[in-house]
Amino acid sequence: MLTWLPRDRTRWLTHLVCALLALSSWAVVAWLWPDLRWFHAATIGLGYYALALALATLLIGPWHVWRRQRLPPVNLNLRRDLGIWAGLAGLAHVVLGTQVHLNGDLWQYFFVTPAPTAQLGADLFRLSNYLGLGATLLLAGLLVISNDWSLKKLRGPRWKWLQRTNYALFILTLAHTVGYQLVTKRPIAWDGGVGLLVMFTIGVQLWGVWRVWRQRQQKNGQR
């Protein structure tokens, strides 16, 4: 990504682009549904933006393997920077999202008594919130270690092990997203778009695992 620029300037450019895309995600949702309150539109836009960035971080490793024909290093600045913005967007999504339903009564998000006529919707709503809470805790933890000091202090293997909780974060985030899509009955195009992106990401990840295994087998055969 613009490798002719000095590294620091490249990273600043990455952050600028991510910030503009965050604002654009909010603007697109506000344009599609002008009747939504500003924080509701921001909640939806930033939520999907955080999911898209999480998917992107899972694609960078296989992309590096395909491009360089070798395992990626413990840390890739682009992957880490996208992860930082996924964390910021995700946390903003959580803070704003707690104001969207139930008049901002956080207690009811997790302990609401479902009405008999809406048992499935209420239960799914509550389950989705618990999944979102788990994703938020992982997201906050990953955001805390996304810096040079943590990378140096924890050293490579330990930092990489913690960074791999990104996979659990992806599963929780996806489950939370699907749950809310069912509860709020969002357009089928949104469901299809998310589904295609997820399947593509899983396919690329599986290819990356196979490619790394193949390279290791070839190296062992040459010994």
C-alpha atoms as a PDB file:
ATOM      1  CA  MET A   1       0.000   0.000   0.000  1.00  0.00           C
ATOM      2  CA  LEU A   2       1.822   3.131  -1.275  1.00  0.00           C
ATOM      3  CA  THR A   3       5.158   1.607  -0.382  1.00  0.00           C
ATOM      4  CA  TRP A   4       6.992   4.547  -1.955  1.00  0.00           C
ATOM      5  CA  LEU A   5       5.989   6.647   1.062  1.00  0.00           C
ATOM      6  CA  PRO A   6       7.915   6.525   4.344  1.00  0.00           C
ATOM      7  CA  ARG A   7       6.366   4.036   6.735  1.00  0.00           C
ATOM      8  CA  ASP A   8       5.026   6.609   9.206  1.00  0.00           C
ATOM      9  CA  ARG A   9       3.382   8.664   6.473  1.00  0.00           C
ATOM     10  CA  THR A  10       1.838   5.534   5.022  1.00  0.00           C
ATOM     11  CA  ARG A  11       0.322   4.664   8.380  1.00  0.00           C
ATOM     12  CA  TRP A  12      -1.001   8.194   8.818  1.00  0.00           C
ATOM     13  CA  LEU A  13      -2.617   7.887   5.393  1.00  0.00           C
ATOM     14  CA  THR A  14      -4.167   4.571   6.448  1.00  0.00           C
ATOM     15  CA  HIS A  15      -5.656   6.195   9.537  1.00  0.00           C
ATOM     16  CA  LEU A  16      -6.993   9.113   7.501  1.00  0.00           C
ATOM     17  CA  VAL A  17      -8.683   6.781   5.004  1.00  0.00           C
ATOM     18  CA  CYS A  18     -10.172   4.697   7.820  1.00  0.00           C
ATOM     19  CA  ALA A  19     -11.551   7.818   9.516  1.00  0.00           C
ATOM     20  CA  LEU A  20     -13.148   9.009   6.271  1.00  0.00           C
ATOM     21  CA  LEU A  21     -14.668   5.569   5.676  1.00  0.00           C
ATOM     22  CA  ALA A  22     -16.096   5.570   9.204  1.00  0.00           C
ATOM     23  CA  LEU A  23     -17.846   8.864   8.535  1.00  0.00           C
ATOM     24  CA  SER A  24     -18.974   7.590   5.136  1.00  0.00           C
ATOM     25  CA  SER A  25     -20.549   4.481   6.680  1.00  0.00           C
ATOM     26  CA  TRP A  26     -22.611   6.740   8.923  1.00  0.00           C
ATOM     27  CA  ALA A  27     -23.533   9.022   6.023  1.00  0.00           C
ATOM     28  CA  VAL A  28     -24.634   6.140   3.778  1.00  0.00           C
ATOM     29  CA  VAL A  29     -27.001   4.730   6.404  1.00  0.00           C
ATOM     30  CA  ALA A  30     -28.382   8.213   7.130  1.00  0.00           C
ATOM     31  CA  TRP A  31     -28.978   8.683   3.399  1.00  0.00           C
ATOM     32  CA  LEU A  32     -30.664   5.294   2.978  1.00  0.00           C
ATOM     33  CA  TRP A  33     -32.911   5.783   6.032  1.00  0.00           C
ATOM     34  CA  PRO A  34     -33.322   9.536   6.586  1.00  0.00           C
ATOM     35  CA  ASP A  35     -35.955   8.973   9.292  1.00  0.00           C
ATOM     36  CA  LEU A  36     -33.423   7.398  11.662  1.00  0.00           C
ATOM     37  CA  ARG A  37     -32.051   9.451  14.516  1.00  0.00           C
ATOM     38  CA  TRP A  38     -28.402  10.404  14.059  1.00  0.00           C
ATOM     39  CA  PHE A  39     -27.092   7.986  16.689  1.00  0.00           C
ATOM     40  CA  HIS A  40     -29.201   5.136  15.301  1.00  0.00           C
ATOM     41  CA  ALA A  41     -27.768   5.683  11.821  1.00  0.00           C
ATOM     42  CA  ALA A  42     -24.255   5.909  13.288  1.00  0.00           C
ATOM     43  CA  THR A  43     -24.820   2.699  15.264  1.00  0.00           C
ATOM     44  CA  ILE A  44     -25.770   0.724  12.167  1.00  0.00           C
ATOM     45  CA  GLY A  45     -23.104   2.248   9.929  1.00  0.00           C
ATOM     46  CA  LEU A  46     -20.260   1.841  12.407  1.00  0.00           C
ATOM     47  CA  GLY A  47     -21.359  -1.684  13.301  1.00  0.00           C
ATOM     48  CA  TYR A  48     -21.143  -2.888   9.724  1.00  0.00           C
ATOM     49  CA  TYR A  49     -17.942  -0.903   9.212  1.00  0.00           C
ATOM     50  CA  ALA A  50     -16.325  -2.612  12.215  1.00  0.00           C
ATOM     51  CA  LEU A  51     -17.379  -6.006  10.852  1.00  0.00           C
ATOM     52  CA  ALA A  52     -15.931  -5.166   7.429  1.00  0.00           C
ATOM     53  CA  LEU A  53     -12.613  -4.138   8.977  1.00  0.00           C
ATOM     54  CA  ALA A  54     -12.539  -7.316  11.075  1.00  0.00           C
ATOM     55  CA  LEU A  55     -12.987  -9.319   7.876  1.00  0.00           C
ATOM     56  CA  ALA A  56     -10.218  -7.294   6.223  1.00  0.00           C
ATOM     57  CA  THR A  57      -7.770  -8.116   9.026  1.00  0.00           C
ATOM     58  CA  LEU A  58      -8.427 -11.806   8.389  1.00  0.00           C
ATOM     59  CA  LEU A  59      -7.640 -11.387   4.691  1.00  0.00           C
ATOM     60  CA  ILE A  60      -4.291  -9.632   5.094  1.00  0.00           C
ATOM     61  CA  GLY A  61      -2.404 -12.709   6.353  1.00  0.00           C
ATOM     62  CA  PRO A  62      -3.397 -14.932   3.392  1.00  0.00           C
ATOM     63  CA  TRP A  63      -2.752 -12.021   1.025  1.00  0.00           C
ATOM     64  CA  HIS A  64       0.786 -11.739   2.415  1.00  0.00           C
ATOM     65  CA  VAL A  65       1.305 -15.486   1.964  1.00  0.00           C
ATOM     66  CA  TRP A  66       0.109 -15.290  -1.657  1.00  0.00           C
ATOM     67  CA  ARG A  67       2.213 -12.201  -2.451  1.00  0.00           C
ATOM     68  CA  ARG A  68       5.427 -13.098  -0.634  1.00  0.00           C
ATOM     69  CA  GLN A  69       5.130 -16.915  -0.749  1.00  0.00           C
ATOM     70  CA  ARG A  70       6.044 -17.161   2.929  1.00  0.00           C
ATOM     71  CA  LEU A  71       4.510 -16.859   6.384  1.00  0.00           C
ATOM     72  CA  PRO A  72       3.623 -13.308   7.446  1.00  0.00           C
ATOM     73  CA  PRO A  73       5.576 -11.789  10.341  1.00  0.00           C
ATOM     74  CA  VAL A  74       4.056 -11.599  13.819  1.00  0.00           C
ATOM     75  CA  ASN A  75       3.008  -8.008  13.237  1.00  0.00           C
ATOM     76  CA  LEU A  76       1.818  -6.337  10.045  1.00  0.00           C
ATOM     77  CA  ASN A  77       1.227  -2.609  10.425  1.00  0.00           C
ATOM     78  CA  LEU A  78      -1.684  -2.516   8.005  1.00  0.00           C
ATOM     79  CA  ARG A  79      -3.452  -5.378   9.777  1.00  0.00           C
ATOM     80  CA  ARG A  80      -2.855  -3.781  13.160  1.00  0.00           C
ATOM     81  CA  ASP A  81      -4.063  -0.345  12.004  1.00  0.00           C
ATOM     82  CA  LEU A  82      -7.240  -1.796  10.507  1.00  0.00           C
ATOM     83  CA  GLY A  83      -7.751  -3.688  13.752  1.00  0.00           C
ATOM     84  CA  ILE A  84      -7.410  -0.445  15.711  1.00  0.00           C
ATOM     85  CA  TRP A  85     -10.140   1.164  13.630  1.00  0.00           C
ATOM     86  CA  ALA A  86     -12.304  -1.941  13.913  1.00  0.00           C
ATOM     87  CA  GLY A  87     -11.972  -1.571  17.670  1.00  0.00           C
ATOM     88  CA  LEU A  88     -12.753   2.144  17.703  1.00  0.00           C
ATOM     89  CA  ALA A  89     -15.734   1.729  15.377  1.00  0.00           C
ATOM     90  CA  GLY A  90     -16.978  -1.280  17.340  1.00  0.00           C
ATOM     91  CA  LEU A  91     -16.786   0.493  20.698  1.00  0.00           C
ATOM     92  CA  ALA A  92     -18.530   3.567  19.271  1.00  0.00           C
ATOM     93  CA  HIS A  93     -21.201   1.218  17.895  1.00  0.00           C
ATOM     94  CA  VAL A  94     -21.730  -0.229  21.378  1.00  0.00           C
ATOM     95  CA  VAL A  95     -21.910   3.150  23.152  1.00  0.00           C
ATOM     96  CA  LEU A  96     -24.355   4.633  20.648  1.00  0.00           C
ATOM     97  CA  GLY A  97     -26.287   1.393  20.271  1.00  0.00           C
ATOM     98  CA  THR A  98     -27.294   1.335  23.929  1.00  0.00           C
ATOM     99  CA  GLN A  99     -29.365   4.473  23.245  1.00  0.00           C
ATOM    100  CA  VAL A 100     -31.319   3.052  20.309  1.00  0.00           C
ATOM    101  CA  HIS A 101     -33.755   0.672  22.029  1.00  0.00           C
ATOM    102  CA  LEU A 102     -35.700   0.587  25.313  1.00  0.00           C
ATOM    103  CA  ASN A 103     -35.060   4.297  25.985  1.00  0.00           C
ATOM    104  CA  GLY A 104     -31.425   3.539  26.733  1.00  0.00           C
ATOM    105  CA  ASP A 105     -32.240   1.310  29.716  1.00  0.00           C
ATOM    106  CA  LEU A 106     -29.149  -0.913  29.677  1.00  0.00           C
ATOM    107  CA  TRP A 107     -30.613  -3.285  32.279  1.00  0.00           C
ATOM    108  CA  GLN A 108     -33.391  -4.300  29.903  1.00  0.00           C
ATOM    109  CA  TYR A 109     -30.888  -5.079  27.147  1.00  0.00           C
ATOM    110  CA  PHE A 110     -29.742  -8.087  29.162  1.00  0.00           C
ATOM    111  CA  PHE A 111     -32.516  -8.853  31.649  1.00  0.00           C
ATOM    112  CA  VAL A 112     -35.696  -7.804  29.866  1.00  0.00           C
ATOM    113  CA  THR A 113     -38.721 -10.054  30.512  1.00  0.00           C
ATOM    114  CA  PRO A 114     -39.942 -11.145  27.068  1.00  0.00           C
ATOM    115  CA  ALA A 115     -43.579 -10.535  26.216  1.00  0.00           C
ATOM    116  CA  PRO A 116     -45.541 -13.747  25.471  1.00  0.00           C
ATOM    117  CA  THR A 117     -46.394 -12.495  21.986  1.00  0.00           C
ATOM    118  CA  ALA A 118     -42.781 -11.755  21.118  1.00  0.00           C
ATOM    119  CA  GLN A 119     -40.922 -14.577  22.862  1.00  0.00           C
ATOM    120  CA  LEU A 120     -38.527 -15.398  20.016  1.00  0.00           C
ATOM    121  CA  GLY A 121     -37.763 -11.761  19.202  1.00  0.00           C
ATOM    122  CA  ALA A 122     -37.093 -10.817  22.824  1.00  0.00           C
ATOM    123  CA  ASP A 123     -34.959 -13.889  23.517  1.00  0.00           C
ATOM    124  CA  LEU A 124     -32.952 -13.389  20.339  1.00  0.00           C
ATOM    125  CA  PHE A 125     -32.537  -9.707  21.150  1.00  0.00           C
ATOM    126  CA  ARG A 126     -31.162 -10.559  24.592  1.00  0.00           C
ATOM    127  CA  LEU A 127     -28.899 -13.325  23.251  1.00  0.00           C
ATOM    128  CA  SER A 128     -27.539 -10.979  20.588  1.00  0.00           C
ATOM    129  CA  ASN A 129     -26.704  -8.447  23.301  1.00  0.00           C
ATOM    130  CA  TYR A 130     -24.779 -11.049  25.302  1.00  0.00           C
ATOM    131  CA  LEU A 131     -22.851 -12.025  22.164  1.00  0.00           C
ATOM    132  CA  GLY A 132     -22.167  -8.352  21.555  1.00  0.00           C
ATOM    133  CA  LEU A 133     -20.933  -7.961  25.136  1.00  0.00           C
ATOM    134  CA  GLY A 134     -18.476 -10.820  24.653  1.00  0.00           C
ATOM    135  CA  ALA A 135     -17.278  -9.301  21.396  1.00  0.00           C
ATOM    136  CA  THR A 136     -16.873  -5.910  23.095  1.00  0.00           C
ATOM    137  CA  LEU A 137     -14.654  -7.352  25.832  1.00  0.00           C
ATOM    138  CA  LEU A 138     -12.431  -9.082  23.260  1.00  0.00           C
ATOM    139  CA  LEU A 139     -12.395  -5.956  21.126  1.00  0.00           C
ATOM    140  CA  ALA A 140     -11.278  -3.808  24.041  1.00  0.00           C
ATOM    141  CA  GLY A 141      -8.543  -6.296  24.886  1.00  0.00           C
ATOM    142  CA  LEU A 142      -7.234  -6.381  21.325  1.00  0.00           C
ATOM    143  CA  LEU A 143      -7.308  -2.595  21.176  1.00  0.00           C
ATOM    144  CA  VAL A 144      -5.217  -2.402  24.363  1.00  0.00           C
ATOM    145  CA  ILE A 145      -2.421  -4.572  22.896  1.00  0.00           C
ATOM    146  CA  SER A 146      -2.421  -2.873  19.473  1.00  0.00           C
ATOM    147  CA  ASN A 147       0.687  -0.789  20.107  1.00  0.00           C
ATOM    148  CA  ASP A 148       4.459  -1.118  19.888  1.00  0.00           C
ATOM    149  CA  TRP A 149       4.900  -1.155  23.681  1.00  0.00           C
ATOM    150  CA  SER A 150       2.629  -4.204  24.099  1.00  0.00           C
ATOM    151  CA  LEU A 151       4.278  -5.944  21.164  1.00  0.00           C
ATOM    152  CA  LYS A 152       7.707  -5.451  22.725  1.00  0.00           C
ATOM    153  CA  LYS A 153       6.622  -6.224  26.296  1.00  0.00           C
ATOM    154  CA  LEU A 154       4.684  -9.392  25.489  1.00  0.00           C
ATOM    155  CA  ARG A 155       7.213 -10.491  22.870  1.00  0.00           C
ATOM    156  CA  GLY A 156       6.274 -12.112  19.591  1.00  0.00           C
ATOM    157  CA  PRO A 157       4.716 -15.519  20.432  1.00  0.00           C
ATOM    158  CA  ARG A 158       2.650 -14.338  23.417  1.00  0.00           C
ATOM    159  CA  TRP A 159       1.417 -11.229  21.590  1.00  0.00           C
ATOM    160  CA  LYS A 160       0.524 -13.346  18.568  1.00  0.00           C
ATOM    161  CA  TRP A 161      -1.422 -15.781  20.740  1.00  0.00           C
ATOM    162  CA  LEU A 162      -3.479 -12.935  22.185  1.00  0.00           C
ATOM    163  CA  GLN A 163      -3.937 -11.437  18.742  1.00  0.00           C
ATOM    164  CA  ARG A 164      -5.427 -14.722  17.526  1.00  0.00           C
ATOM    165  CA  THR A 165      -8.452 -14.109  19.747  1.00  0.00           C
ATOM    166  CA  ASN A 166      -9.456 -12.075  16.700  1.00  0.00           C
ATOM    167  CA  TYR A 167     -10.976 -15.310  15.368  1.00  0.00           C
ATOM    168  CA  ALA A 168     -13.240 -15.632  18.412  1.00  0.00           C
ATOM    169  CA  LEU A 169     -14.090 -11.952  18.038  1.00  0.00           C
ATOM    170  CA  PHE A 170     -15.095 -12.559  14.440  1.00  0.00           C
ATOM    171  CA  ILE A 171     -17.433 -15.422  15.406  1.00  0.00           C
ATOM    172  CA  LEU A 172     -19.087 -13.446  18.216  1.00  0.00           C
ATOM    173  CA  THR A 173     -19.449 -10.338  16.053  1.00  0.00           C
ATOM    174  CA  LEU A 174     -20.959 -12.305  13.192  1.00  0.00           C
ATOM    175  CA  ALA A 175     -23.435 -14.059  15.502  1.00  0.00           C
ATOM    176  CA  HIS A 176     -24.380 -10.712  17.065  1.00  0.00           C
ATOM    177  CA  THR A 177     -24.893  -9.183  13.622  1.00  0.00           C
ATOM    178  CA  VAL A 178     -27.059 -12.034  12.360  1.00  0.00           C
ATOM    179  CA  GLY A 179     -29.145 -11.930  15.531  1.00  0.00           C
ATOM    180  CA  TYR A 180     -29.861  -8.228  15.161  1.00  0.00           C
ATOM    181  CA  GLN A 181     -30.590  -8.603  11.464  1.00  0.00           C
ATOM    182  CA  LEU A 182     -33.263 -11.167  12.315  1.00  0.00           C
ATOM    183  CA  VAL A 183     -34.731  -9.128  15.172  1.00  0.00           C
ATOM    184  CA  THR A 184     -34.863  -5.842  13.256  1.00  0.00           C
ATOM    185  CA  LYS A 185     -35.807  -7.493   9.933  1.00  0.00           C
ATOM    186  CA  ARG A 186     -33.267  -5.625   7.857  1.00  0.00           C
ATOM    187  CA  PRO A 187     -33.403  -5.784   4.024  1.00  0.00           C
ATOM    188  CA  ILE A 188     -32.405  -9.129   2.537  1.00  0.00           C
ATOM    189  CA  ALA A 189     -29.685  -7.388   0.530  1.00  0.00           C
ATOM    190  CA  TRP A 190     -27.857  -6.663   3.803  1.00  0.00           C
ATOM    191  CA  ASP A 191     -28.097 -10.310   4.835  1.00  0.00           C
ATOM    192  CA  GLY A 192     -26.850 -11.448   1.443  1.00  0.00           C
ATOM    193  CA  GLY A 193     -23.984  -8.951   1.410  1.00  0.00           C
ATOM    194  CA  VAL A 194     -22.785 -10.002   4.855  1.00  0.00           C
ATOM    195  CA  GLY A 195     -23.118 -13.672   3.922  1.00  0.00           C
ATOM    196  CA  LEU A 196     -21.045 -13.278   0.749  1.00  0.00           C
ATOM    197  CA  LEU A 197     -18.294 -11.369   2.552  1.00  0.00           C
ATOM    198  CA  VAL A 198     -18.137 -13.965   5.308  1.00  0.00           C
ATOM    199  CA  MET A 199     -17.990 -16.903   2.894  1.00  0.00           C
ATOM    200  CA  PHE A 200     -15.282 -15.179   0.872  1.00  0.00           C
ATOM    201  CA  THR A 201     -13.229 -14.498   4.014  1.00  0.00           C
ATOM    202  CA  ILE A 202     -13.573 -18.082   5.253  1.00  0.00           C
ATOM    203  CA  GLY A 203     -12.560 -19.384   1.825  1.00  0.00           C
ATOM    204  CA  VAL A 204      -9.459 -17.181   1.748  1.00  0.00           C
ATOM    205  CA  GLN A 205      -8.550 -18.217   5.300  1.00  0.00           C
ATOM    206  CA  LEU A 206      -8.832 -21.903   4.394  1.00  0.00           C
ATOM    207  CA  TRP A 207      -6.686 -21.305   1.321  1.00  0.00           C
ATOM    208  CA  GLY A 208      -4.089 -19.578   3.518  1.00  0.00           C
ATOM    209  CA  VAL A 209      -4.012 -22.503   5.950  1.00  0.00           C
ATOM    210  CA  TRP A 210      -3.635 -24.967   3.067  1.00  0.00           C
ATOM    211  CA  ARG A 211      -0.895 -22.862   1.472  1.00  0.00           C
ATOM    212  CA  VAL A 212       1.116 -22.632   4.690  1.00  0.00           C
ATOM    213  CA  TRP A 213       0.745 -26.390   5.257  1.00  0.00           C
ATOM    214  CA  ARG A 214       1.907 -27.036   1.686  1.00  0.00           C
ATOM    215  CA  GLN A 215       4.973 -24.829   2.107  1.00  0.00           C
ATOM    216  CA  ARG A 216       5.924 -26.581   5.326  1.00  0.00           C
ATOM    217  CA  GLN A 217       5.532 -29.980   3.683  1.00  0.00           C
ATOM    218  CA  GLN A 218       7.784 -28.896   0.826  1.00  0.00           C
ATOM    219  CA  LYS A 219      10.441 -27.624   3.245  1.00  0.00           C
ATOM    220  CA  ASN A 220      10.350 -30.855   5.242  1.00  0.00           C
ATOM    221  CA  GLY A 221      10.691 -32.841   2.017  1.00  0.00           C
ATOM    222  CA  GLN A 222      13.852 -30.943   1.089  1.00  0.00           C
ATOM    223  CA  ARG A 223      15.622 -31.851   4.323  1.00  0.00           C
END
